[in-house]
Amino acid sequence: MKILIVNTYDRGGAANACLRLHEGLLHKAVDSKVLLRHKEKSLPKTFQFHKSHSSKSKFHILKEKVLLFLRVMGILNKPKASKEQQFLKQRESGLELFSFPDSNFDITSSPLYQEADIINLHWVASFLDYESFFRKNTKPVVWTLHDMNPFTGGEHYLETTLGIDSVGEPLSRELSELEKRVFKENLSLKFKAIQSASNISIVAPSEWLGLEAQNSTVFKSKPVYCIPYGINAEVFQPRNRNYSRAILNIPKNKKVILFVADSISNHRKGYAYLKKAFDLMQRDDVILCAVGSKKSALESVKNTIELGSIYDERLMSMAYSAADVFVIPSLMDNLPNTVLESLMCGTPVIGFPIGGIPDMIQDGENGLLTKTVNSMALLDTIDTFLVTMDSFDRESIRAHAIKKYDLKIQADSYIDLFKTILK
């Protein structure tokens, strides 16, 4: 059984998820390979898509090089922005990524594709060309969803709010007529490309995303399975709290709230709600510990320690272990790796009751869910946790996470699915 996993990048949340599946399959002696558009890491059996596999002809490539040379020399003016580029420039700041369903890559031309028994698509924005791939494809396809993009008109999450008001309540988002038109055109293209393909199975890591896929125009006739992400329990495990705090220079006499802050400008990540909650907090014994590239916006938050970006997973497990609680204020999300990593380290989690968050948080057992989505609800929930934090059993939290999210469990579920499809 030869499996080809396809993903655009080998960095980022979706990339981590698909590479962990790849790792789990290799441990089970499955012939798994990963095809990437952008490859940065040196990981076993991961390969970058070769430029010669582009769907562009040699003449077309030569023409582009000549035109580029003429522009550099000043003989030709720079080309006008495409309609796609113009559309992306007009989108409101703070929105999640938007991608179109076309690309100049022909995945089916890759020798890795040709030798595979099953193609396992993952996050393939700007890599998969819907029309040509599903027209040429002859292999069974398992599409693992990491967001909503494969069945939307281009948005990776269908955001209904954008920004918050002065008291921390979400503001409704209004779609422009241009957005509605572009969404409709892209959705039509995806539907036409996929509707005639009978060999596609969908995997959603969360119950929420699975239901959204089942109710979508694009995937309503396709089988949808729910298989949660897997986490390496040997890497993400509890570390000594005092030692972890000493290594990361975190005060031992403070209550520590951990937040991953790489995308604070992305409204969907909900940083504005957490900032408002901290502004309203009337405590001096609590600090916010932020992981991610350092941001000037975080400087205005009182009692904040910025750890910077952490790329080593074992060091990241120390950050979870150093914290009393991990807070994820996302407004829409699938099954965030950060939550699973925190639970594997025995650290409870606080989040909004949205998307796949309730799949992972059993309220009162391994964390707390807010009653609604706003800053006051988040503040109230944090205050409740700080009063009751001793009631959370970190050993029990980790044991439950291992039973549900261990790498081996995910790998076994995929292997069973692959075997069923090949039969």
Protein backbone atom coordinates (compact mmCIF):
# COMPACT_ATOMS: atom_id res chain seq x y z
CA MET A 1 0.00 0.00 0.00
CA LYS A 2 1.65 3.20 -1.24
CA ILE A 3 0.29 6.47 0.13
CA LEU A 4 1.13 9.90 -1.25
CA ILE A 5 0.37 12.78 1.11
CA VAL A 6 0.09 16.13 -0.69
CA ASN A 7 0.50 19.47 1.09
CA THR A 8 1.57 22.94 0.00
CA TYR A 9 4.03 23.61 2.84
CA ASP A 10 5.99 21.70 5.48
CA ARG A 11 5.60 24.53 8.03
CA GLY A 12 2.47 25.74 9.80
CA GLY A 13 -0.41 24.12 11.65
CA ALA A 14 -1.81 22.06 8.76
CA ALA A 15 1.71 21.02 7.74
CA ASN A 16 2.49 19.84 11.27
CA ALA A 17 -0.72 17.81 11.29
CA CYS A 18 -0.08 16.05 7.98
CA LEU A 19 3.59 15.43 8.79
CA ARG A 20 2.59 13.85 12.09
CA LEU A 21 0.25 11.53 10.18
CA HIS A 22 3.15 10.73 7.84
CA GLU A 23 5.32 9.96 10.87
CA GLY A 24 2.64 7.70 12.33
CA LEU A 25 2.23 5.80 9.05
CA LEU A 26 5.99 5.28 8.74
CA HIS A 27 6.06 3.88 12.29
CA LYS A 28 3.40 1.41 11.15
CA ALA A 29 5.62 0.37 8.20
CA VAL A 30 3.30 1.97 5.63
CA ASP A 31 4.96 3.17 2.42
CA SER A 32 4.13 6.85 2.92
CA LYS A 33 5.63 9.78 1.00
CA VAL A 34 4.90 13.51 1.11
CA LEU A 35 4.77 15.78 -1.95
CA LEU A 36 5.23 19.48 -1.18
CA ARG A 37 5.16 22.64 -3.22
CA HIS A 38 7.47 24.37 -0.72
CA LYS A 39 9.97 22.22 1.18
CA GLU A 40 12.11 23.68 3.98
CA LYS A 41 12.59 20.80 6.42
CA SER A 42 14.77 17.74 5.98
CA LEU A 43 12.29 15.04 6.93
CA PRO A 44 12.24 11.38 5.81
CA LYS A 45 10.43 10.68 2.55
CA THR A 46 9.29 14.25 1.92
CA PHE A 47 9.82 15.68 -1.58
CA GLN A 48 9.41 19.00 -3.30
CA PHE A 49 7.40 19.12 -6.50
CA HIS A 50 9.93 19.45 -9.31
CA LYS A 51 9.57 22.48 -11.55
CA SER A 52 9.63 20.28 -14.63
CA HIS A 53 6.29 18.88 -13.50
CA SER A 54 4.59 22.24 -14.03
CA SER A 55 1.65 22.13 -16.42
CA LYS A 56 3.24 25.04 -18.35
CA SER A 57 4.82 24.16 -21.69
CA LYS A 58 8.53 24.79 -22.36
CA PHE A 59 7.53 27.55 -24.78
CA HIS A 60 5.38 29.21 -22.13
CA ILE A 61 8.20 29.05 -19.57
CA LEU A 62 10.69 30.51 -22.09
CA LYS A 63 8.23 33.28 -22.95
CA GLU A 64 7.88 34.20 -19.27
CA LYS A 65 11.65 34.38 -18.84
CA VAL A 66 12.01 36.66 -21.88
CA LEU A 67 9.23 38.96 -20.67
CA LEU A 68 10.78 39.11 -17.19
CA PHE A 69 14.16 40.06 -18.71
CA LEU A 70 12.56 42.82 -20.81
CA ARG A 71 10.80 44.23 -17.73
CA VAL A 72 14.00 44.18 -15.68
CA MET A 73 15.78 46.05 -18.49
CA GLY A 74 12.99 48.63 -18.57
CA ILE A 75 11.96 47.78 -22.10
CA LEU A 76 8.50 46.61 -21.00
CA ASN A 77 6.26 48.01 -18.29
CA LYS A 78 5.29 45.84 -15.36
CA PRO A 79 2.09 43.89 -16.04
CA LYS A 80 -1.13 45.08 -14.49
CA ALA A 81 -2.31 43.24 -11.41
CA SER A 82 -4.53 40.28 -12.26
CA LYS A 83 -8.18 40.23 -11.26
CA GLU A 84 -7.27 37.81 -8.48
CA GLN A 85 -4.57 40.14 -7.15
CA GLN A 86 -6.91 43.13 -7.34
CA PHE A 87 -9.57 41.22 -5.43
CA LEU A 88 -7.17 40.19 -2.66
CA LYS A 89 -5.98 43.79 -2.25
CA GLN A 90 -9.57 44.95 -1.72
CA ARG A 91 -10.27 42.49 1.10
CA GLU A 92 -10.58 43.94 4.58
CA SER A 93 -7.52 43.64 6.82
CA GLY A 94 -7.73 41.07 9.59
CA LEU A 95 -9.56 38.46 7.50
CA GLU A 96 -8.33 34.90 7.16
CA LEU A 97 -6.46 33.74 4.06
CA PHE A 98 -8.33 33.56 0.73
CA SER A 99 -7.19 31.33 -2.14
CA PHE A 100 -8.43 30.55 -5.63
CA PRO A 101 -9.02 27.01 -6.98
CA ASP A 102 -6.47 27.16 -9.78
CA SER A 103 -2.69 26.82 -10.05
CA ASN A 104 0.03 26.17 -12.64
CA PHE A 105 0.94 22.82 -11.12
CA ASP A 106 -0.02 19.39 -12.44
CA ILE A 107 0.28 17.04 -9.47
CA THR A 108 -0.64 14.05 -11.66
CA SER A 109 2.61 14.52 -13.64
CA SER A 110 4.74 13.70 -10.60
CA PRO A 111 6.31 10.20 -10.52
CA LEU A 112 5.28 10.07 -6.86
CA TYR A 113 1.66 10.45 -7.91
CA GLN A 114 1.99 7.82 -10.59
CA GLU A 115 3.40 5.17 -8.25
CA ALA A 116 0.92 5.77 -5.41
CA ASP A 117 -2.14 3.64 -4.65
CA ILE A 118 -3.98 6.40 -2.77
CA ILE A 119 -3.60 10.18 -2.89
CA ASN A 120 -4.13 11.84 0.50
CA LEU A 121 -4.70 15.55 -0.13
CA HIS A 122 -4.24 17.90 2.82
CA TRP A 123 -3.83 21.72 2.78
CA VAL A 124 -3.27 22.26 -0.94
CA ALA A 125 -4.10 25.93 -1.54
CA SER A 126 -2.08 27.42 -4.45
CA PHE A 127 -0.88 23.91 -5.31
CA LEU A 128 -3.92 21.89 -6.42
CA ASP A 129 -5.54 22.91 -9.70
CA TYR A 130 -9.10 21.67 -9.22
CA GLU A 131 -10.14 21.46 -12.87
CA SER A 132 -7.10 19.64 -14.27
CA PHE A 133 -6.42 17.42 -11.25
CA PHE A 134 -9.89 15.90 -10.98
CA ARG A 135 -10.12 15.57 -14.78
CA LYS A 136 -6.83 13.67 -14.99
CA ASN A 137 -6.88 11.82 -11.67
CA THR A 138 -7.22 8.03 -11.80
CA LYS A 139 -6.42 7.24 -8.16
CA PRO A 140 -8.62 7.03 -5.06
CA VAL A 141 -8.44 10.33 -3.19
CA VAL A 142 -8.71 10.86 0.56
CA TRP A 143 -8.97 14.57 1.28
CA THR A 144 -8.07 15.54 4.84
CA LEU A 145 -9.62 18.92 5.60
CA HIS A 146 -7.73 21.44 7.75
CA ASP A 147 -10.13 24.31 7.17
CA MET A 148 -13.21 25.14 5.09
CA ASN A 149 -11.46 26.24 1.88
CA PRO A 150 -11.97 23.05 -0.20
CA PHE A 151 -15.76 23.56 -0.09
CA THR A 152 -16.07 27.38 0.02
CA GLY A 153 -15.80 30.08 -2.60
CA GLY A 154 -12.22 30.80 -1.56
CA GLU A 155 -12.32 31.71 2.13
CA HIS A 156 -10.48 29.35 4.45
CA TYR A 157 -13.06 30.13 7.14
CA LEU A 158 -16.50 31.64 6.51
CA GLU A 159 -16.04 34.50 8.93
CA THR A 160 -19.30 36.14 9.98
CA THR A 161 -17.71 38.72 12.31
CA LEU A 162 -14.82 41.15 11.94
CA GLY A 163 -13.53 43.20 14.85
CA ILE A 164 -14.99 43.90 18.30
CA ASP A 165 -16.76 46.88 19.84
CA SER A 166 -15.69 48.92 22.86
CA VAL A 167 -17.05 46.39 25.37
CA GLY A 168 -15.59 43.30 23.66
CA GLU A 169 -18.60 42.12 21.65
CA PRO A 170 -18.10 40.81 18.08
CA LEU A 171 -19.07 43.03 15.14
CA SER A 172 -21.00 41.50 12.25
CA ARG A 173 -19.28 41.35 8.87
CA GLU A 174 -20.94 42.56 5.69
CA LEU A 175 -19.99 40.89 2.40
CA SER A 176 -19.49 43.16 -0.61
CA GLU A 177 -21.17 42.44 -3.95
CA LEU A 178 -17.72 41.71 -5.42
CA GLU A 179 -17.05 39.12 -2.70
CA LYS A 180 -20.40 37.44 -3.32
CA ARG A 181 -19.71 37.26 -7.07
CA VAL A 182 -16.18 35.87 -6.68
CA PHE A 183 -17.34 33.34 -4.08
CA LYS A 184 -20.08 32.13 -6.45
CA GLU A 185 -17.69 31.74 -9.41
CA ASN A 186 -15.11 29.79 -7.39
CA LEU A 187 -17.72 27.56 -5.80
CA SER A 188 -19.17 26.73 -9.20
CA LEU A 189 -15.72 25.76 -10.50
CA LYS A 190 -15.06 23.51 -7.51
CA PHE A 191 -18.47 21.85 -7.77
CA LYS A 192 -18.04 21.10 -11.50
CA ALA A 193 -14.54 19.71 -10.95
CA ILE A 194 -15.51 17.39 -8.10
CA GLN A 195 -19.10 16.32 -8.80
CA SER A 196 -18.15 13.72 -11.43
CA ALA A 197 -15.31 12.23 -9.37
CA SER A 198 -16.60 9.09 -7.65
CA ASN A 199 -13.41 8.07 -5.87
CA ILE A 200 -13.16 10.83 -3.23
CA SER A 201 -13.49 10.33 0.52
CA ILE A 202 -13.37 13.25 2.97
CA VAL A 203 -11.70 13.18 6.39
CA ALA A 204 -12.49 15.90 8.92
CA PRO A 205 -10.43 16.09 12.13
CA SER A 206 -13.35 17.63 14.07
CA GLU A 207 -17.04 16.82 14.23
CA TRP A 208 -17.82 20.46 13.41
CA LEU A 209 -15.78 20.52 10.19
CA GLY A 210 -17.21 17.15 9.18
CA LEU A 211 -20.75 18.47 9.53
CA GLU A 212 -19.88 21.62 7.58
CA ALA A 213 -18.44 19.47 4.78
CA GLN A 214 -21.49 17.19 4.69
CA ASN A 215 -23.78 20.20 4.38
CA SER A 216 -21.69 21.89 1.68
CA THR A 217 -22.54 22.08 -2.00
CA VAL A 218 -19.19 20.59 -3.01
CA PHE A 219 -19.01 17.55 -0.71
CA LYS A 220 -22.66 16.78 0.10
CA SER A 221 -22.56 13.59 -2.02
CA LYS A 222 -19.18 12.36 -0.74
CA PRO A 223 -18.53 10.09 2.26
CA VAL A 224 -17.21 12.05 5.25
CA TYR A 225 -15.23 10.47 8.10
CA CYS A 226 -14.05 12.02 11.35
CA ILE A 227 -10.47 11.16 12.35
CA PRO A 228 -8.85 13.48 14.92
CA TYR A 229 -5.25 14.61 14.62
CA GLY A 230 -2.49 12.62 16.29
CA ILE A 231 0.21 13.94 18.62
CA ASN A 232 3.52 12.33 19.58
CA ALA A 233 3.03 11.65 23.29
CA GLU A 234 6.75 11.15 23.82
CA VAL A 235 7.56 14.65 22.57
CA PHE A 236 4.61 16.45 24.13
CA GLN A 237 4.69 15.29 27.72
CA PRO A 238 4.65 17.02 31.12
CA ARG A 239 7.95 18.57 32.15
CA ASN A 240 8.92 19.75 35.64
CA ARG A 241 7.10 23.05 36.13
CA ASN A 242 9.74 24.85 38.20
CA TYR A 243 12.53 23.73 35.88
CA SER A 244 10.50 24.78 32.81
CA ARG A 245 9.85 28.21 34.30
CA ALA A 246 13.51 28.62 35.17
CA ILE A 247 14.59 27.71 31.62
CA LEU A 248 12.06 30.13 30.08
CA ASN A 249 12.66 32.85 32.70
CA ILE A 250 9.04 32.80 33.93
CA PRO A 251 8.36 33.86 37.56
CA LYS A 252 7.62 30.91 39.84
CA ASN A 253 5.30 32.88 42.12
CA LYS A 254 2.81 33.96 39.41
CA LYS A 255 -0.20 32.31 37.82
CA VAL A 256 0.70 31.85 34.15
CA ILE A 257 -1.71 32.01 31.21
CA LEU A 258 -0.16 30.79 27.96
CA PHE A 259 -1.16 32.19 24.56
CA VAL A 260 0.28 31.45 21.10
CA ALA A 261 0.54 34.87 19.50
CA ASP A 262 1.85 34.39 15.95
CA SER A 263 -1.33 35.64 14.32
CA ILE A 264 -2.54 38.49 16.50
CA SER A 265 -3.45 40.52 13.39
CA ASN A 266 -5.75 37.71 12.22
CA HIS A 267 -9.19 38.48 13.65
CA ARG A 268 -10.22 34.81 13.64
CA LYS A 269 -7.51 34.02 16.19
CA GLY A 270 -9.33 36.22 18.71
CA TYR A 271 -6.38 38.09 20.22
CA ALA A 272 -8.49 41.27 20.57
CA TYR A 273 -10.87 39.40 22.92
CA LEU A 274 -8.00 38.20 25.12
CA LYS A 275 -6.41 41.65 25.22
CA LYS A 276 -9.71 43.22 26.26
CA ALA A 277 -10.15 40.58 28.97
CA PHE A 278 -6.67 41.31 30.34
CA ASP A 279 -7.32 45.05 30.27
CA LEU A 280 -10.36 44.42 32.48
CA MET A 281 -8.65 41.95 34.81
CA GLN A 282 -8.22 43.19 38.37
CA ARG A 283 -5.32 40.96 39.45
CA ASP A 284 -1.59 41.48 39.80
CA ASP A 285 -0.67 37.83 40.39
CA VAL A 286 -1.41 36.74 36.80
CA ILE A 287 0.89 37.04 33.79
CA LEU A 288 0.24 36.41 30.11
CA CYS A 289 3.00 34.37 28.54
CA ALA A 290 3.00 34.75 24.74
CA VAL A 291 4.71 32.38 22.31
CA GLY A 292 5.32 33.64 18.79
CA SER A 293 7.22 36.35 16.95
CA LYS A 294 7.40 39.41 19.17
CA LYS A 295 4.72 42.00 18.43
CA SER A 296 4.54 45.66 19.39
CA ALA A 297 0.82 45.22 20.02
CA LEU A 298 1.61 42.91 22.93
CA GLU A 299 3.63 45.63 24.68
CA SER A 300 0.40 47.40 25.65
CA VAL A 301 -0.85 44.38 27.59
CA LYS A 302 0.04 44.53 31.27
CA ASN A 303 1.98 41.70 32.92
CA THR A 304 3.09 40.12 29.64
CA ILE A 305 6.16 37.99 28.93
CA GLU A 306 7.04 37.39 25.27
CA LEU A 307 8.99 34.19 24.75
CA GLY A 308 9.41 34.75 21.03
CA SER A 309 9.01 32.02 18.42
CA ILE A 310 9.62 28.44 19.58
CA TYR A 311 10.29 25.91 16.82
CA ASP A 312 11.60 23.02 18.92
CA GLU A 313 8.68 20.84 19.99
CA ARG A 314 10.32 19.68 23.22
CA LEU A 315 10.97 23.27 24.25
CA MET A 316 7.35 24.02 23.37
CA SER A 317 6.28 21.22 25.71
CA MET A 318 8.16 23.06 28.45
CA ALA A 319 6.15 26.21 27.71
CA TYR A 320 2.90 24.25 28.14
CA SER A 321 4.25 22.64 31.32
CA ALA A 322 5.26 26.02 32.73
CA ALA A 323 1.73 27.38 32.31
CA ASP A 324 -1.22 26.96 34.64
CA VAL A 325 -3.62 27.15 31.70
CA PHE A 326 -3.54 27.58 27.93
CA VAL A 327 -6.06 30.05 26.50
CA ILE A 328 -7.17 29.81 22.86
CA PRO A 329 -9.61 32.63 21.98
CA SER A 330 -10.17 31.53 18.35
CA LEU A 331 -13.55 32.50 16.89
CA MET A 332 -13.59 29.69 14.30
CA ASP A 333 -11.26 26.71 14.28
CA ASN A 334 -11.01 23.08 13.27
CA LEU A 335 -9.02 21.01 15.79
CA PRO A 336 -6.08 23.24 16.77
CA ASN A 337 -2.78 21.43 17.29
CA THR A 338 -1.96 23.80 20.15
CA VAL A 339 -4.90 22.53 22.19
CA LEU A 340 -3.91 18.90 21.65
CA GLU A 341 -0.30 19.67 22.53
CA SER A 342 -1.36 21.42 25.75
CA LEU A 343 -3.59 18.52 26.81
CA MET A 344 -0.80 16.03 26.07
CA CYS A 345 1.35 18.01 28.49
CA GLY A 346 -1.42 17.85 31.10
CA THR A 347 -2.17 21.57 30.91
CA PRO A 348 -5.88 22.53 30.97
CA VAL A 349 -7.33 24.73 28.22
CA ILE A 350 -9.82 27.60 28.10
CA GLY A 351 -11.62 28.39 24.84
CA PHE A 352 -14.79 29.62 23.20
CA PRO A 353 -17.49 26.99 22.46
CA ILE A 354 -16.91 27.09 18.70
CA GLY A 355 -15.77 24.75 15.91
CA GLY A 356 -13.78 21.74 17.08
CA ILE A 357 -12.90 23.25 20.49
CA PRO A 358 -15.78 21.43 22.28
CA ASP A 359 -14.50 18.16 20.74
CA MET A 360 -11.37 18.54 22.84
CA ILE A 361 -12.44 20.38 26.00
CA GLN A 362 -14.63 18.53 28.47
CA ASP A 363 -15.86 21.47 30.53
CA GLY A 364 -14.65 21.20 34.12
CA GLU A 365 -12.45 18.16 33.46
CA ASN A 366 -9.58 19.19 31.19
CA GLY A 367 -10.44 22.86 30.86
CA LEU A 368 -13.31 25.33 30.62
CA LEU A 369 -15.56 26.58 27.82
CA THR A 370 -16.94 30.10 27.97
CA LYS A 371 -20.72 30.53 27.99
CA THR A 372 -20.65 32.81 24.94
CA VAL A 373 -18.21 34.55 22.61
CA ASN A 374 -17.10 37.93 24.00
CA SER A 375 -14.38 39.39 26.18
CA MET A 376 -16.41 39.46 29.40
CA ALA A 377 -17.28 35.78 29.07
CA LEU A 378 -13.60 35.02 28.51
CA LEU A 379 -12.60 37.08 31.56
CA ASP A 380 -15.26 35.39 33.73
CA THR A 381 -14.04 31.95 32.64
CA ILE A 382 -10.41 32.82 33.35
CA ASP A 383 -11.41 34.10 36.81
CA THR A 384 -13.37 30.89 37.45
CA PHE A 385 -10.36 28.80 36.47
CA LEU A 386 -7.99 30.75 38.72
CA VAL A 387 -10.29 30.05 41.68
CA THR A 388 -10.73 26.34 40.87
CA MET A 389 -7.39 25.50 39.21
CA ASP A 390 -6.36 23.03 41.91
CA SER A 391 -9.30 20.80 40.97
CA PHE A 392 -7.82 20.01 37.55
CA ASP A 393 -5.84 16.77 37.55
CA ARG A 394 -2.97 17.16 35.09
CA GLU A 395 -2.16 13.44 35.05
CA SER A 396 -5.77 12.63 34.21
CA ILE A 397 -5.82 15.31 31.48
CA ARG A 398 -2.79 13.74 29.81
CA ALA A 399 -4.10 10.18 30.15
CA HIS A 400 -7.37 11.14 28.44
CA ALA A 401 -5.47 12.93 25.65
CA ILE A 402 -3.30 9.88 24.99
CA LYS A 403 -6.36 7.62 24.67
CA LYS A 404 -7.88 9.91 22.06
CA TYR A 405 -5.04 11.68 20.24
CA ASP A 406 -1.96 9.47 20.33
CA LEU A 407 -0.14 9.28 17.00
CA LYS A 408 -0.72 5.52 16.79
CA ILE A 409 -4.50 5.89 17.07
CA GLN A 410 -4.62 8.35 14.16
CA ALA A 411 -2.36 6.16 12.02
CA ASP A 412 -4.47 3.03 12.66
CA SER A 413 -7.67 4.87 11.72
CA TYR A 414 -6.18 6.04 8.42
CA ILE A 415 -4.77 2.60 7.64
CA ASP A 416 -8.21 1.06 8.17
CA LEU A 417 -9.74 3.69 5.87
CA PHE A 418 -7.09 3.18 3.19
CA LYS A 419 -7.58 -0.61 3.25
CA THR A 420 -11.34 -0.26 2.99
CA ILE A 421 -11.02 2.04 -0.01
CA LEU A 422 -8.55 -0.25 -1.80
CA LYS A 423 -10.90 -3.18 -1.37
